[in-house]
N, C-alpha and C. Protein backbone atom coordinates (compact mmCIF):
# COMPACT_ATOMS: atom_id res chain seq x y z
N UNK A 1 0.81 -1.19 0.00
CA UNK A 1 0.00 0.00 0.00
C UNK A 1 0.87 1.27 0.00
N UNK A 2 1.95 1.22 -0.71
CA UNK A 2 2.83 2.38 -0.83
C UNK A 2 2.22 3.38 -1.81
N UNK A 3 2.53 4.64 -1.62
CA UNK A 3 2.06 5.70 -2.51
C UNK A 3 3.21 6.11 -3.43
N UNK A 4 2.96 6.14 -4.72
CA UNK A 4 3.96 6.53 -5.70
C UNK A 4 3.89 8.04 -5.92
N UNK A 5 5.04 8.68 -5.91
CA UNK A 5 5.11 10.11 -6.21
C UNK A 5 4.88 10.28 -7.71
N UNK A 6 3.76 10.86 -8.13
CA UNK A 6 3.47 10.98 -9.56
C UNK A 6 4.41 11.93 -10.31
N UNK A 7 5.06 12.82 -9.58
CA UNK A 7 5.98 13.77 -10.21
C UNK A 7 7.35 13.17 -10.49
N UNK A 8 7.72 12.14 -9.71
CA UNK A 8 9.03 11.52 -9.89
C UNK A 8 8.99 10.06 -9.41
N UNK A 9 8.31 9.19 -10.15
CA UNK A 9 8.22 7.78 -9.72
C UNK A 9 9.59 7.11 -9.59
N UNK A 10 10.53 7.46 -10.45
CA UNK A 10 11.84 6.81 -10.42
C UNK A 10 12.62 7.15 -9.15
N UNK A 11 12.23 8.20 -8.47
CA UNK A 11 12.91 8.58 -7.24
C UNK A 11 12.78 7.55 -6.14
N UNK A 12 11.80 6.67 -6.23
CA UNK A 12 11.61 5.63 -5.22
C UNK A 12 12.63 4.51 -5.35
N UNK A 13 13.10 4.26 -6.56
CA UNK A 13 14.01 3.15 -6.87
C UNK A 13 13.38 1.82 -6.46
N UNK A 14 12.17 1.59 -6.95
CA UNK A 14 11.43 0.37 -6.70
C UNK A 14 11.43 -0.50 -7.94
N UNK A 15 11.39 -1.82 -7.71
CA UNK A 15 11.26 -2.77 -8.81
C UNK A 15 10.17 -3.78 -8.49
N UNK A 16 9.66 -4.40 -9.54
CA UNK A 16 8.77 -5.55 -9.42
C UNK A 16 9.54 -6.74 -9.98
N UNK A 17 9.34 -7.91 -9.39
CA UNK A 17 10.05 -9.10 -9.86
C UNK A 17 9.05 -10.16 -10.27
N UNK A 18 9.45 -11.01 -11.20
CA UNK A 18 8.60 -12.14 -11.57
C UNK A 18 8.58 -13.12 -10.40
N UNK A 19 7.51 -13.85 -10.29
CA UNK A 19 7.28 -14.71 -9.12
C UNK A 19 8.31 -15.84 -8.99
N UNK A 20 8.90 -16.27 -10.11
CA UNK A 20 9.90 -17.32 -10.03
C UNK A 20 11.15 -16.84 -9.30
N UNK A 21 11.40 -15.54 -9.27
CA UNK A 21 12.58 -15.01 -8.57
C UNK A 21 12.38 -14.93 -7.06
N UNK A 22 11.14 -15.00 -6.60
CA UNK A 22 10.88 -14.93 -5.17
C UNK A 22 11.53 -16.08 -4.42
N UNK A 23 11.53 -17.26 -5.01
CA UNK A 23 12.13 -18.42 -4.33
C UNK A 23 13.65 -18.29 -4.23
N UNK A 24 14.23 -17.35 -4.97
CA UNK A 24 15.67 -17.10 -4.90
C UNK A 24 16.01 -15.98 -3.92
N UNK A 25 14.99 -15.46 -3.23
CA UNK A 25 15.22 -14.43 -2.22
C UNK A 25 14.80 -13.03 -2.63
N UNK A 26 14.30 -12.87 -3.85
CA UNK A 26 13.85 -11.57 -4.33
C UNK A 26 12.42 -11.33 -3.87
N UNK A 27 12.26 -11.07 -2.57
CA UNK A 27 10.95 -10.91 -1.95
C UNK A 27 10.73 -9.45 -1.56
N UNK A 28 9.51 -9.13 -1.14
CA UNK A 28 9.17 -7.76 -0.76
C UNK A 28 10.19 -7.21 0.23
N UNK A 29 10.69 -6.03 -0.06
CA UNK A 29 11.64 -5.36 0.83
C UNK A 29 13.09 -5.70 0.59
N UNK A 30 13.36 -6.71 -0.23
CA UNK A 30 14.75 -7.08 -0.50
C UNK A 30 15.44 -5.96 -1.28
N UNK A 31 16.70 -5.74 -0.96
CA UNK A 31 17.49 -4.73 -1.66
C UNK A 31 18.32 -5.45 -2.71
N UNK A 32 18.21 -4.98 -3.96
CA UNK A 32 18.85 -5.63 -5.09
C UNK A 32 19.85 -4.64 -5.72
N UNK A 33 21.09 -5.09 -5.90
CA UNK A 33 22.10 -4.26 -6.56
C UNK A 33 22.13 -4.64 -8.03
N UNK A 34 21.99 -3.63 -8.89
CA UNK A 34 21.95 -3.85 -10.33
C UNK A 34 23.10 -3.07 -10.97
N UNK A 35 23.87 -3.74 -11.83
CA UNK A 35 24.99 -3.11 -12.52
C UNK A 35 24.99 -3.51 -13.98
N UNK A 36 25.43 -2.60 -14.84
CA UNK A 36 25.60 -2.92 -16.23
C UNK A 36 24.56 -2.32 -17.16
N UNK A 37 23.69 -1.45 -16.64
CA UNK A 37 22.70 -0.81 -17.51
C UNK A 37 23.21 0.56 -17.91
N UNK A 38 23.15 1.49 -16.98
CA UNK A 38 23.70 2.83 -17.19
C UNK A 38 23.72 3.55 -15.85
N UNK A 39 24.23 4.75 -15.83
CA UNK A 39 24.38 5.51 -14.59
C UNK A 39 23.04 5.71 -13.88
N UNK A 40 21.98 5.91 -14.63
CA UNK A 40 20.66 6.16 -14.05
C UNK A 40 20.09 4.94 -13.34
N UNK A 41 20.33 3.75 -13.87
CA UNK A 41 19.71 2.54 -13.33
C UNK A 41 20.63 1.71 -12.44
N UNK A 42 21.93 1.86 -12.57
CA UNK A 42 22.84 1.08 -11.74
C UNK A 42 22.73 1.51 -10.28
N UNK A 43 22.82 0.54 -9.38
CA UNK A 43 22.76 0.83 -7.95
C UNK A 43 21.72 -0.03 -7.27
N UNK A 44 21.36 0.37 -6.05
CA UNK A 44 20.42 -0.41 -5.24
C UNK A 44 18.98 -0.05 -5.55
N UNK A 45 18.15 -1.08 -5.64
CA UNK A 45 16.72 -0.95 -5.85
C UNK A 45 16.01 -1.83 -4.81
N UNK A 46 14.78 -1.51 -4.48
CA UNK A 46 14.02 -2.26 -3.48
C UNK A 46 12.85 -2.97 -4.15
N UNK A 47 12.69 -4.26 -3.84
CA UNK A 47 11.56 -5.02 -4.38
C UNK A 47 10.29 -4.56 -3.66
N UNK A 48 9.33 -4.00 -4.42
CA UNK A 48 8.08 -3.51 -3.85
C UNK A 48 6.85 -4.06 -4.56
N UNK A 49 7.04 -4.96 -5.52
CA UNK A 49 5.88 -5.48 -6.25
C UNK A 49 6.26 -6.81 -6.89
N UNK A 50 5.25 -7.57 -7.25
CA UNK A 50 5.45 -8.82 -7.98
C UNK A 50 4.68 -8.75 -9.28
N UNK A 51 5.20 -9.42 -10.28
CA UNK A 51 4.60 -9.37 -11.61
C UNK A 51 3.57 -10.49 -11.78
N UNK A 52 2.78 -10.38 -12.82
CA UNK A 52 1.81 -11.40 -13.16
C UNK A 52 2.53 -12.74 -13.36
N UNK A 53 1.86 -13.82 -13.03
CA UNK A 53 2.50 -15.14 -13.09
C UNK A 53 2.91 -15.57 -14.50
N UNK A 54 2.43 -14.89 -15.53
CA UNK A 54 2.83 -15.25 -16.89
C UNK A 54 4.27 -14.85 -17.20
N UNK A 55 4.86 -13.95 -16.39
CA UNK A 55 6.23 -13.50 -16.62
C UNK A 55 7.21 -14.35 -15.82
N UNK A 56 8.36 -14.65 -16.42
CA UNK A 56 9.43 -15.36 -15.72
C UNK A 56 10.76 -14.67 -16.02
N UNK A 57 11.68 -14.79 -15.07
CA UNK A 57 13.04 -14.26 -15.20
C UNK A 57 13.05 -12.79 -15.61
N UNK A 58 12.23 -11.98 -14.92
CA UNK A 58 12.14 -10.56 -15.27
C UNK A 58 12.14 -9.66 -14.04
N UNK A 59 12.65 -8.47 -14.26
CA UNK A 59 12.57 -7.39 -13.29
C UNK A 59 12.02 -6.18 -14.03
N UNK A 60 11.10 -5.49 -13.39
CA UNK A 60 10.46 -4.32 -13.98
C UNK A 60 10.77 -3.11 -13.09
N UNK A 61 11.39 -2.09 -13.66
CA UNK A 61 11.76 -0.88 -12.93
C UNK A 61 10.60 0.11 -12.91
N UNK A 62 10.39 0.77 -11.77
CA UNK A 62 9.46 1.89 -11.71
C UNK A 62 10.24 3.11 -12.17
N UNK A 63 9.88 3.65 -13.32
CA UNK A 63 10.62 4.76 -13.92
C UNK A 63 9.67 5.89 -14.31
N UNK A 64 10.25 7.01 -14.68
CA UNK A 64 9.46 8.15 -15.12
C UNK A 64 8.89 7.89 -16.52
N UNK A 65 7.84 8.60 -16.86
CA UNK A 65 7.19 8.47 -18.16
C UNK A 65 8.21 8.71 -19.28
N UNK A 66 8.15 7.88 -20.30
CA UNK A 66 9.03 8.04 -21.45
C UNK A 66 10.34 7.28 -21.35
N UNK A 67 10.57 6.62 -20.22
CA UNK A 67 11.80 5.85 -20.04
C UNK A 67 11.47 4.38 -20.18
N UNK A 68 12.17 3.70 -21.07
CA UNK A 68 11.98 2.25 -21.19
C UNK A 68 13.16 1.65 -21.91
N UNK A 69 13.27 0.36 -21.85
CA UNK A 69 14.36 -0.32 -22.52
C UNK A 69 14.38 -1.79 -22.15
N UNK A 70 15.25 -2.49 -22.81
CA UNK A 70 15.45 -3.92 -22.55
C UNK A 70 16.96 -4.13 -22.57
N UNK A 71 17.48 -4.77 -21.54
CA UNK A 71 18.92 -4.93 -21.42
C UNK A 71 19.29 -6.38 -21.22
N UNK A 72 20.48 -6.72 -21.66
CA UNK A 72 21.03 -8.06 -21.44
C UNK A 72 22.40 -7.89 -20.80
N UNK A 73 22.96 -8.98 -20.32
CA UNK A 73 24.27 -8.96 -19.66
C UNK A 73 24.33 -7.99 -18.49
N UNK A 74 23.29 -8.00 -17.68
CA UNK A 74 23.20 -7.14 -16.51
C UNK A 74 23.49 -7.99 -15.28
N UNK A 75 24.28 -7.46 -14.35
CA UNK A 75 24.60 -8.15 -13.12
C UNK A 75 23.58 -7.76 -12.05
N UNK A 76 22.92 -8.75 -11.46
CA UNK A 76 21.89 -8.53 -10.45
C UNK A 76 22.20 -9.43 -9.26
N UNK A 77 22.29 -8.81 -8.06
CA UNK A 77 22.51 -9.62 -6.87
C UNK A 77 21.81 -9.01 -5.67
N UNK A 78 21.46 -9.87 -4.73
CA UNK A 78 20.82 -9.44 -3.51
C UNK A 78 21.86 -8.85 -2.56
N UNK A 79 21.52 -7.74 -1.90
CA UNK A 79 22.34 -7.20 -0.82
C UNK A 79 21.83 -7.78 0.47
N UNK A 80 22.67 -8.49 1.17
CA UNK A 80 22.20 -9.14 2.40
C UNK A 80 22.79 -8.48 3.61
């Protein structure tokens, strides 16, 4: 029940993960370090949502309007 800032959604640094990643520890509140995208997206993000069960092996970033992309060879790890 978090509230998203409509003026700057990306400021939250929240992600949604596919449900298959939950069993690997990517659960609500987990801090995930992401590297290999770009300066704007690299760094720590917090898991705050889960994706529809039809998606697997995916992470969805909460970003500002007009920002999108698809990346490969990205390093993703849990901060424990």
